[in-house]
């Protein structure tokens, strides 16, 4: 990799990290190419991306971003997973790490906060943004549904009473 390519990689990664909600840093020593490809695919399906970069270049890329505090994590064979959704990259990484012991999550960054490996795992257990939206919409819809049911119920009760009296009159 020549200097121009390295410079471009650092600039691109720096720009991407400025617009990212979460960064997860992990060791990937011993993983095969097929396993790395599978990991990349799972993170991509979750809405994130994975980048393998030399530690020195990754440290340069996180400069002047809110993720500058994670530069200490770049030791050994490290891989970076990131996503705009603060949960997506963490969920995909933790799920993959459960099935593959060669992917070891070191920690991450979310804005100015630097969660350790356990905090990233706890973050992965949270519901996604879409799940939270669906729950919120359900909570907002529930009172309206109850009101409609309450308003409709007296008329339905009256109709059942009239139907029961009519059935008694036909039977007699």
N, C-alpha and C. Protein backbone atom coordinates (compact mmCIF):
# COMPACT_ATOMS: atom_id res chain seq x y z
N UNK A 1 0.85 -1.16 0.00
CA UNK A 1 0.00 0.00 0.00
C UNK A 1 0.90 1.24 0.00
N UNK A 2 0.74 2.09 -1.00
CA UNK A 2 1.59 3.28 -1.07
C UNK A 2 1.02 4.41 -0.22
N UNK A 3 1.76 5.48 -0.12
CA UNK A 3 1.37 6.59 0.75
C UNK A 3 0.02 7.20 0.37
N UNK A 4 -0.23 7.33 -0.91
CA UNK A 4 -1.48 7.93 -1.36
C UNK A 4 -2.67 7.07 -0.94
N UNK A 5 -2.54 5.76 -1.08
CA UNK A 5 -3.62 4.85 -0.68
C UNK A 5 -3.84 4.89 0.84
N UNK A 6 -2.74 4.97 1.59
CA UNK A 6 -2.85 5.05 3.05
C UNK A 6 -3.53 6.35 3.45
N UNK A 7 -3.15 7.44 2.81
CA UNK A 7 -3.74 8.74 3.11
C UNK A 7 -5.24 8.73 2.79
N UNK A 8 -5.59 8.12 1.67
CA UNK A 8 -6.99 8.04 1.28
C UNK A 8 -7.78 7.18 2.27
N UNK A 9 -7.20 6.07 2.72
CA UNK A 9 -7.85 5.20 3.70
C UNK A 9 -8.10 5.94 5.01
N UNK A 10 -7.11 6.67 5.48
CA UNK A 10 -7.24 7.42 6.73
C UNK A 10 -8.32 8.49 6.58
N UNK A 11 -8.32 9.21 5.48
CA UNK A 11 -9.31 10.27 5.24
C UNK A 11 -10.71 9.70 5.16
N UNK A 12 -10.86 8.61 4.42
CA UNK A 12 -12.18 7.97 4.26
C UNK A 12 -12.70 7.47 5.60
N UNK A 13 -11.85 6.77 6.34
CA UNK A 13 -12.26 6.23 7.63
C UNK A 13 -12.59 7.36 8.61
N UNK A 14 -11.83 8.43 8.60
CA UNK A 14 -12.09 9.59 9.46
C UNK A 14 -13.45 10.19 9.14
N UNK A 15 -13.76 10.36 7.86
CA UNK A 15 -15.04 10.93 7.44
C UNK A 15 -16.19 10.03 7.86
N UNK A 16 -16.03 8.71 7.67
CA UNK A 16 -17.08 7.76 8.03
C UNK A 16 -17.32 7.78 9.54
N UNK A 17 -16.26 7.82 10.32
CA UNK A 17 -16.40 7.78 11.77
C UNK A 17 -17.07 9.03 12.33
N UNK A 18 -16.96 10.14 11.65
CA UNK A 18 -17.62 11.36 12.12
C UNK A 18 -19.14 11.24 12.05
N UNK A 19 -19.65 10.39 11.14
CA UNK A 19 -21.09 10.22 10.96
C UNK A 19 -21.61 8.91 11.57
N UNK A 20 -20.82 8.28 12.40
CA UNK A 20 -21.15 6.96 12.93
C UNK A 20 -21.69 7.07 14.35
N UNK A 21 -22.69 6.22 14.65
CA UNK A 21 -23.27 6.21 15.99
C UNK A 21 -22.52 5.33 16.97
N UNK A 22 -21.89 4.27 16.47
CA UNK A 22 -21.21 3.33 17.34
C UNK A 22 -20.04 2.70 16.62
N UNK A 23 -18.94 2.50 17.34
CA UNK A 23 -17.77 1.79 16.83
C UNK A 23 -17.46 0.67 17.80
N UNK A 24 -17.29 -0.55 17.26
CA UNK A 24 -16.91 -1.71 18.07
C UNK A 24 -15.54 -2.16 17.59
N UNK A 25 -14.61 -2.33 18.53
CA UNK A 25 -13.25 -2.78 18.21
C UNK A 25 -13.10 -4.19 18.76
N UNK A 26 -12.56 -5.09 17.93
CA UNK A 26 -12.40 -6.49 18.35
C UNK A 26 -11.11 -7.06 17.78
N UNK A 27 -10.62 -8.11 18.44
CA UNK A 27 -9.50 -8.88 17.91
C UNK A 27 -10.06 -9.99 17.03
N UNK A 28 -9.38 -10.26 15.93
CA UNK A 28 -9.86 -11.31 15.03
C UNK A 28 -8.77 -12.33 14.72
N UNK A 29 -7.77 -12.45 15.56
CA UNK A 29 -6.64 -13.36 15.33
C UNK A 29 -7.14 -14.80 15.21
N UNK A 30 -6.72 -15.46 14.16
CA UNK A 30 -7.07 -16.86 13.95
C UNK A 30 -8.31 -17.09 13.11
N UNK A 31 -8.99 -16.04 12.73
CA UNK A 31 -10.19 -16.21 11.89
C UNK A 31 -9.78 -16.44 10.44
N UNK A 32 -10.51 -17.31 9.77
CA UNK A 32 -10.25 -17.58 8.36
C UNK A 32 -10.91 -16.49 7.51
N UNK A 33 -10.57 -16.49 6.25
CA UNK A 33 -11.16 -15.52 5.33
C UNK A 33 -12.67 -15.75 5.23
N UNK A 34 -13.08 -17.01 5.22
CA UNK A 34 -14.51 -17.32 5.15
C UNK A 34 -15.25 -16.80 6.39
N UNK A 35 -14.63 -16.94 7.55
CA UNK A 35 -15.25 -16.44 8.78
C UNK A 35 -15.33 -14.91 8.77
N UNK A 36 -14.27 -14.27 8.30
CA UNK A 36 -14.29 -12.80 8.20
C UNK A 36 -15.36 -12.33 7.23
N UNK A 37 -15.49 -13.03 6.11
CA UNK A 37 -16.51 -12.68 5.12
C UNK A 37 -17.90 -12.86 5.71
N UNK A 38 -18.11 -13.94 6.44
CA UNK A 38 -19.40 -14.18 7.09
C UNK A 38 -19.70 -13.09 8.11
N UNK A 39 -18.69 -12.71 8.89
CA UNK A 39 -18.85 -11.65 9.88
C UNK A 39 -19.20 -10.33 9.20
N UNK A 40 -18.50 -9.99 8.14
CA UNK A 40 -18.80 -8.76 7.39
C UNK A 40 -20.23 -8.77 6.88
N UNK A 41 -20.66 -9.93 6.36
CA UNK A 41 -22.01 -10.04 5.80
C UNK A 41 -23.07 -9.84 6.89
N UNK A 42 -22.84 -10.42 8.06
CA UNK A 42 -23.81 -10.27 9.15
C UNK A 42 -23.91 -8.83 9.63
N UNK A 43 -22.77 -8.16 9.73
CA UNK A 43 -22.79 -6.76 10.14
C UNK A 43 -23.45 -5.91 9.07
N UNK A 44 -23.20 -6.22 7.81
CA UNK A 44 -23.81 -5.47 6.71
C UNK A 44 -25.33 -5.64 6.72
N UNK A 45 -25.80 -6.87 6.97
CA UNK A 45 -27.24 -7.12 7.04
C UNK A 45 -27.88 -6.34 8.19
N UNK A 46 -27.13 -6.13 9.25
CA UNK A 46 -27.63 -5.38 10.41
C UNK A 46 -27.60 -3.86 10.16
N UNK A 47 -26.95 -3.43 9.09
CA UNK A 47 -26.90 -2.01 8.78
C UNK A 47 -25.57 -1.35 9.12
N UNK A 48 -24.54 -2.14 9.29
CA UNK A 48 -23.23 -1.60 9.63
C UNK A 48 -22.18 -1.99 8.62
N UNK A 49 -20.94 -1.68 8.93
CA UNK A 49 -19.82 -2.03 8.08
C UNK A 49 -18.65 -2.48 8.94
N UNK A 50 -17.74 -3.23 8.32
CA UNK A 50 -16.56 -3.74 9.00
C UNK A 50 -15.34 -3.28 8.23
N UNK A 51 -14.31 -2.87 8.97
CA UNK A 51 -13.08 -2.40 8.33
C UNK A 51 -11.89 -2.99 9.07
N UNK A 52 -10.97 -3.55 8.30
CA UNK A 52 -9.69 -4.00 8.85
C UNK A 52 -8.66 -2.98 8.37
N UNK A 53 -7.96 -2.38 9.31
CA UNK A 53 -6.94 -1.38 8.98
C UNK A 53 -5.77 -1.57 9.92
N UNK A 54 -4.62 -1.18 9.46
CA UNK A 54 -3.45 -1.24 10.33
C UNK A 54 -3.71 -0.35 11.54
N UNK A 55 -3.21 -0.76 12.68
CA UNK A 55 -3.46 -0.02 13.91
C UNK A 55 -2.98 1.42 13.84
N UNK A 56 -1.84 1.63 13.24
CA UNK A 56 -1.31 2.98 13.12
C UNK A 56 -2.23 3.85 12.27
N UNK A 57 -2.76 3.28 11.19
CA UNK A 57 -3.68 4.04 10.32
C UNK A 57 -5.02 4.27 11.03
N UNK A 58 -5.47 3.28 11.79
CA UNK A 58 -6.73 3.44 12.52
C UNK A 58 -6.60 4.54 13.57
N UNK A 59 -5.45 4.59 14.24
CA UNK A 59 -5.22 5.65 15.23
C UNK A 59 -5.22 7.02 14.57
N UNK A 60 -4.65 7.11 13.39
CA UNK A 60 -4.66 8.39 12.66
C UNK A 60 -6.08 8.74 12.23
N UNK A 61 -6.87 7.74 11.86
CA UNK A 61 -8.23 7.98 11.39
C UNK A 61 -9.15 8.47 12.50
N UNK A 62 -8.96 8.01 13.73
CA UNK A 62 -9.84 8.43 14.82
C UNK A 62 -9.47 9.79 15.40
N UNK A 63 -8.34 10.34 14.98
CA UNK A 63 -7.97 11.68 15.43
C UNK A 63 -9.01 12.68 14.95
N UNK A 64 -9.27 13.67 15.76
CA UNK A 64 -10.23 14.73 15.45
C UNK A 64 -11.66 14.22 15.30
N UNK A 65 -11.97 13.08 15.89
CA UNK A 65 -13.34 12.59 15.96
C UNK A 65 -13.67 12.38 17.43
N UNK A 66 -14.93 12.09 17.70
CA UNK A 66 -15.33 11.83 19.09
C UNK A 66 -14.83 10.46 19.55
N UNK A 67 -14.28 9.67 18.63
CA UNK A 67 -13.80 8.32 18.96
C UNK A 67 -12.30 8.26 19.22
N UNK A 68 -11.69 9.39 19.43
CA UNK A 68 -10.25 9.45 19.66
C UNK A 68 -9.84 8.67 20.91
N UNK A 69 -10.76 8.50 21.84
CA UNK A 69 -10.46 7.81 23.10
C UNK A 69 -10.25 6.30 22.93
N UNK A 70 -10.65 5.73 21.80
CA UNK A 70 -10.49 4.28 21.63
C UNK A 70 -9.15 3.92 20.99
N UNK A 71 -8.30 4.89 20.76
CA UNK A 71 -7.02 4.59 20.10
C UNK A 71 -6.17 3.62 20.92
N UNK A 72 -6.40 3.53 22.22
CA UNK A 72 -5.67 2.58 23.06
C UNK A 72 -6.04 1.13 22.76
N UNK A 73 -7.22 0.91 22.17
CA UNK A 73 -7.67 -0.45 21.87
C UNK A 73 -6.99 -1.05 20.64
N UNK A 74 -6.35 -0.23 19.84
CA UNK A 74 -5.73 -0.70 18.61
C UNK A 74 -4.36 -1.30 18.88
N UNK A 75 -4.38 -2.53 19.37
CA UNK A 75 -3.16 -3.31 19.62
C UNK A 75 -3.44 -4.73 19.16
N UNK A 76 -2.53 -5.30 18.42
CA UNK A 76 -2.74 -6.64 17.89
C UNK A 76 -3.57 -6.59 16.62
N UNK A 77 -4.16 -7.73 16.27
CA UNK A 77 -4.98 -7.79 15.06
C UNK A 77 -6.38 -7.29 15.40
N UNK A 78 -6.67 -6.06 15.04
CA UNK A 78 -7.97 -5.47 15.39
C UNK A 78 -8.81 -5.25 14.15
N UNK A 79 -10.11 -5.28 14.39
CA UNK A 79 -11.09 -5.05 13.34
C UNK A 79 -12.09 -4.04 13.89
N UNK A 80 -12.61 -3.19 13.03
CA UNK A 80 -13.54 -2.15 13.44
C UNK A 80 -14.89 -2.42 12.80
N UNK A 81 -15.94 -2.48 13.61
CA UNK A 81 -17.31 -2.58 13.11
C UNK A 81 -18.01 -1.29 13.51
N UNK A 82 -18.75 -0.69 12.60
CA UNK A 82 -19.41 0.57 12.91
C UNK A 82 -20.76 0.64 12.22
N UNK A 83 -21.64 1.45 12.78
CA UNK A 83 -22.96 1.64 12.20
C UNK A 83 -23.53 2.97 12.66
N UNK A 84 -24.47 3.50 11.91
CA UNK A 84 -25.14 4.73 12.30
C UNK A 84 -26.09 4.45 13.47
N UNK A 85 -26.79 3.32 13.38
CA UNK A 85 -27.67 2.88 14.46
C UNK A 85 -26.79 2.45 15.63
N UNK A 86 -26.97 3.02 16.81
CA UNK A 86 -26.08 2.71 17.92
C UNK A 86 -26.13 1.25 18.40
N UNK A 87 -27.08 0.48 17.93
CA UNK A 87 -27.22 -0.88 18.41
C UNK A 87 -26.77 -1.91 17.37
N UNK A 88 -26.91 -1.61 16.09
CA UNK A 88 -26.74 -2.60 15.02
C UNK A 88 -25.37 -3.28 15.03
N UNK A 89 -24.30 -2.51 15.05
CA UNK A 89 -22.96 -3.10 15.00
C UNK A 89 -22.67 -3.91 16.25
N UNK A 90 -23.14 -3.43 17.39
CA UNK A 90 -22.92 -4.15 18.65
C UNK A 90 -23.66 -5.48 18.64
N UNK A 91 -24.91 -5.48 18.18
CA UNK A 91 -25.70 -6.72 18.15
C UNK A 91 -25.06 -7.74 17.23
N UNK A 92 -24.71 -7.31 16.03
CA UNK A 92 -24.13 -8.24 15.06
C UNK A 92 -22.80 -8.78 15.56
N UNK A 93 -21.98 -7.94 16.15
CA UNK A 93 -20.67 -8.36 16.63
C UNK A 93 -20.78 -9.33 17.81
N UNK A 94 -21.63 -9.01 18.75
CA UNK A 94 -21.79 -9.87 19.92
C UNK A 94 -22.41 -11.21 19.53
N UNK A 95 -23.38 -11.18 18.64
CA UNK A 95 -24.00 -12.42 18.18
C UNK A 95 -22.98 -13.29 17.47
N UNK A 96 -22.16 -12.69 16.64
CA UNK A 96 -21.15 -13.47 15.92
C UNK A 96 -20.07 -13.99 16.88
N UNK A 97 -19.70 -13.18 17.86
CA UNK A 97 -18.67 -13.58 18.82
C UNK A 97 -19.13 -14.75 19.69
N UNK A 98 -20.44 -14.88 19.92
CA UNK A 98 -20.96 -16.01 20.68
C UNK A 98 -20.72 -17.32 19.95
N UNK A 99 -20.82 -17.29 18.62
CA UNK A 99 -20.63 -18.49 17.82
C UNK A 99 -19.20 -18.73 17.39
N UNK A 100 -18.35 -17.72 17.50
CA UNK A 100 -16.96 -17.84 17.06
C UNK A 100 -16.07 -17.24 18.14
N UNK A 101 -15.35 -18.10 18.85
CA UNK A 101 -14.55 -17.63 19.97
C UNK A 101 -13.28 -16.90 19.53
N UNK A 102 -13.00 -16.86 18.24
CA UNK A 102 -11.80 -16.16 17.76
C UNK A 102 -12.05 -14.66 17.60
N UNK A 103 -13.30 -14.26 17.57
CA UNK A 103 -13.64 -12.84 17.55
C UNK A 103 -13.83 -12.39 18.99
N UNK A 104 -12.90 -11.59 19.50
CA UNK A 104 -12.94 -11.15 20.89
C UNK A 104 -13.20 -9.64 20.91
N UNK A 105 -14.32 -9.25 21.47
CA UNK A 105 -14.68 -7.84 21.52
C UNK A 105 -13.87 -7.16 22.62
N UNK A 106 -13.17 -6.09 22.24
CA UNK A 106 -12.33 -5.35 23.18
C UNK A 106 -13.08 -4.20 23.84
N UNK A 107 -13.95 -3.58 23.09
CA UNK A 107 -14.69 -2.43 23.59
C UNK A 107 -15.21 -1.64 22.41
N UNK A 108 -15.48 -0.38 22.63
CA UNK A 108 -16.00 0.43 21.55
C UNK A 108 -16.13 1.88 21.98
N UNK A 109 -16.88 2.60 21.19
CA UNK A 109 -17.14 4.01 21.49
C UNK A 109 -18.49 4.40 20.92
N UNK A 110 -19.18 5.22 21.69
CA UNK A 110 -20.47 5.73 21.27
C UNK A 110 -20.51 7.19 21.65
N UNK A 111 -20.17 8.04 20.70
CA UNK A 111 -20.03 9.46 21.01
C UNK A 111 -18.80 9.66 21.89
N UNK A 112 -18.99 10.31 23.02
CA UNK A 112 -17.88 10.53 23.95
C UNK A 112 -17.75 9.38 24.95
N UNK A 113 -18.70 8.47 24.96
CA UNK A 113 -18.69 7.35 25.89
C UNK A 113 -17.85 6.21 25.33
N UNK A 114 -17.05 5.60 26.19
CA UNK A 114 -16.20 4.49 25.78
C UNK A 114 -16.61 3.24 26.57
N UNK A 115 -17.55 2.46 26.02
CA UNK A 115 -17.96 1.24 26.72
C UNK A 115 -16.91 0.14 26.60
N UNK A 116 -16.74 -0.64 27.68
CA UNK A 116 -15.83 -1.77 27.62
C UNK A 116 -16.57 -2.95 26.97
N UNK A 117 -15.94 -4.11 26.95
CA UNK A 117 -16.53 -5.28 26.28
C UNK A 117 -17.87 -5.66 26.90
N UNK A 118 -17.97 -5.61 28.22
CA UNK A 118 -19.24 -5.95 28.88
C UNK A 118 -20.33 -4.95 28.56
N UNK A 119 -19.99 -3.68 28.47
CA UNK A 119 -20.97 -2.66 28.14
C UNK A 119 -21.45 -2.82 26.69
N UNK A 120 -20.54 -3.21 25.80
CA UNK A 120 -20.94 -3.45 24.40
C UNK A 120 -21.91 -4.63 24.35
N UNK A 121 -21.64 -5.67 25.15
CA UNK A 121 -22.54 -6.83 25.20
C UNK A 121 -23.90 -6.43 25.77
N UNK A 122 -23.91 -5.58 26.77
CA UNK A 122 -25.18 -5.10 27.33
C UNK A 122 -25.92 -4.24 26.32
N UNK A 123 -25.19 -3.44 25.58
CA UNK A 123 -25.78 -2.60 24.54
C UNK A 123 -26.42 -3.45 23.45
N UNK A 124 -25.81 -4.59 23.16
CA UNK A 124 -26.32 -5.48 22.12
C UNK A 124 -27.65 -6.12 22.53
N UNK A 125 -27.92 -6.18 23.82
CA UNK A 125 -29.17 -6.78 24.29
C UNK A 125 -30.34 -5.81 24.22
N UNK A 126 -30.07 -4.54 24.01
CA UNK A 126 -31.14 -3.56 23.88
C UNK A 126 -31.89 -3.77 22.58
N UNK A 127 -33.17 -3.41 22.54
CA UNK A 127 -33.92 -3.53 21.28
C UNK A 127 -33.41 -2.51 20.26
N UNK A 128 -33.57 -2.86 18.99
CA UNK A 128 -33.10 -1.96 17.93
C UNK A 128 -34.01 -0.74 17.85
N UNK A 129 -33.59 0.22 17.05
CA UNK A 129 -34.34 1.47 16.89
C UNK A 129 -35.73 1.18 16.32
N UNK A 130 -35.82 0.28 15.34
CA UNK A 130 -37.11 -0.06 14.76
C UNK A 130 -38.03 -0.73 15.77
N UNK A 131 -37.46 -1.62 16.62
CA UNK A 131 -38.26 -2.27 17.65
C UNK A 131 -38.77 -1.26 18.66
N UNK A 132 -37.93 -0.29 19.03
CA UNK A 132 -38.36 0.75 19.96
C UNK A 132 -39.47 1.61 19.35
N UNK A 133 -39.35 1.92 18.08
CA UNK A 133 -40.40 2.70 17.40
C UNK A 133 -41.71 1.94 17.39
N UNK A 134 -41.65 0.64 17.08
CA UNK A 134 -42.86 -0.18 17.04
C UNK A 134 -43.52 -0.25 18.42
N UNK A 135 -42.72 -0.38 19.47
CA UNK A 135 -43.25 -0.40 20.83
C UNK A 135 -43.91 0.92 21.18
N UNK A 136 -43.26 2.01 20.81
CA UNK A 136 -43.81 3.34 21.09
C UNK A 136 -45.13 3.55 20.35
N UNK A 137 -45.20 3.14 19.10
CA UNK A 137 -46.44 3.29 18.33
C UNK A 137 -47.54 2.43 18.95
N UNK A 138 -47.18 1.23 19.39
CA UNK A 138 -48.16 0.37 20.06
C UNK A 138 -48.69 1.00 21.33
N UNK A 139 -47.80 1.63 22.10
CA UNK A 139 -48.23 2.30 23.33
C UNK A 139 -49.12 3.50 23.04
N UNK A 140 -48.82 4.21 21.97
CA UNK A 140 -49.64 5.36 21.61
C UNK A 140 -51.00 4.93 21.06
N UNK A 141 -51.04 3.80 20.38
CA UNK A 141 -52.29 3.29 19.80
C UNK A 141 -53.21 2.67 20.83
N UNK A 142 -52.68 2.11 21.90
CA UNK A 142 -53.48 1.38 22.88
C UNK A 142 -54.61 2.22 23.48
N UNK A 143 -54.37 3.46 23.95
CA UNK A 143 -55.48 4.24 24.51
C UNK A 143 -56.59 4.51 23.50
N UNK A 144 -56.22 4.80 22.26
CA UNK A 144 -57.24 5.06 21.23
C UNK A 144 -58.09 3.82 20.98
N UNK A 145 -57.46 2.66 20.97
CA UNK A 145 -58.19 1.42 20.76
C UNK A 145 -59.14 1.16 21.92
N UNK A 146 -58.68 1.41 23.14
CA UNK A 146 -59.53 1.20 24.31
C UNK A 146 -60.72 2.16 24.31
N UNK A 147 -60.49 3.40 23.91
CA UNK A 147 -61.58 4.38 23.84
C UNK A 147 -62.62 3.94 22.82
N UNK A 148 -62.17 3.51 21.65
CA UNK A 148 -63.11 3.06 20.61
C UNK A 148 -63.91 1.85 21.09
N UNK A 149 -63.26 0.92 21.77
CA UNK A 149 -63.94 -0.27 22.29
C UNK A 149 -64.96 0.12 23.35
N UNK A 150 -64.61 1.07 24.22
CA UNK A 150 -65.51 1.51 25.28
C UNK A 150 -66.73 2.22 24.71
N UNK A 151 -66.54 3.03 23.69
CA UNK A 151 -67.66 3.74 23.07
C UNK A 151 -68.59 2.78 22.34
N UNK A 152 -68.03 1.76 21.73
CA UNK A 152 -68.80 0.80 20.94
C UNK A 152 -69.55 -0.20 21.83
N UNK A 153 -69.09 -0.48 23.01
CA UNK A 153 -69.61 -1.55 23.86
C UNK A 153 -71.07 -1.37 24.29
N UNK A 154 -71.55 -0.18 24.73
CA UNK A 154 -72.96 -0.09 25.14
C UNK A 154 -73.94 -0.44 24.01
N UNK A 155 -73.64 -0.01 22.80
CA UNK A 155 -74.51 -0.35 21.67
C UNK A 155 -74.49 -1.84 21.40
N UNK A 156 -73.33 -2.48 21.52
CA UNK A 156 -73.23 -3.91 21.30
C UNK A 156 -74.00 -4.67 22.38
N UNK A 157 -73.95 -4.20 23.63
CA UNK A 157 -74.69 -4.84 24.71
C UNK A 157 -76.19 -4.74 24.46
N UNK A 158 -76.65 -3.58 24.04
CA UNK A 158 -78.07 -3.38 23.74
C UNK A 158 -78.52 -4.31 22.62
N UNK A 159 -77.69 -4.45 21.60
CA UNK A 159 -78.03 -5.34 20.49
C UNK A 159 -78.11 -6.79 20.96
N UNK A 160 -77.25 -7.21 21.86
CA UNK A 160 -77.29 -8.58 22.38
C UNK A 160 -78.55 -8.81 23.21
N UNK A 161 -78.96 -7.82 24.01
CA UNK A 161 -80.18 -7.95 24.83
C UNK A 161 -81.39 -8.06 23.92
N UNK A 162 -81.46 -7.21 22.91
CA UNK A 162 -82.60 -7.26 21.98
C UNK A 162 -82.63 -8.59 21.24
N UNK A 163 -81.49 -9.07 20.84
CA UNK A 163 -81.41 -10.36 20.14
C UNK A 163 -81.86 -11.50 21.07
N UNK A 164 -81.47 -11.43 22.34
CA UNK A 164 -81.85 -12.48 23.29
C UNK A 164 -83.37 -12.45 23.53
N UNK A 165 -83.96 -11.25 23.67
CA UNK A 165 -85.42 -11.13 23.87
C UNK A 165 -86.17 -11.63 22.63
N UNK A 166 -85.63 -11.31 21.43
CA UNK A 166 -86.28 -11.77 20.20
C UNK A 166 -86.21 -13.30 20.12
N UNK A 167 -85.12 -13.88 20.54
CA UNK A 167 -84.99 -15.34 20.50
C UNK A 167 -85.93 -15.98 21.52
N UNK A 168 -86.18 -15.32 22.68
CA UNK A 168 -87.12 -15.84 23.67
C UNK A 168 -88.54 -15.77 23.12
N UNK A 169 -88.86 -14.68 22.43
CA UNK A 169 -90.21 -14.50 21.88
C UNK A 169 -90.49 -15.53 20.78
N UNK A 170 -89.50 -15.89 19.98
CA UNK A 170 -89.69 -16.90 18.93
C UNK A 170 -89.82 -18.30 19.53
N UNK A 171 -89.14 -18.52 20.65
CA UNK A 171 -89.17 -19.84 21.27
C UNK A 171 -90.51 -20.07 21.97
N UNK A 172 -91.19 -19.04 22.44
CA UNK A 172 -92.43 -19.20 23.18
C UNK A 172 -93.64 -19.40 22.33
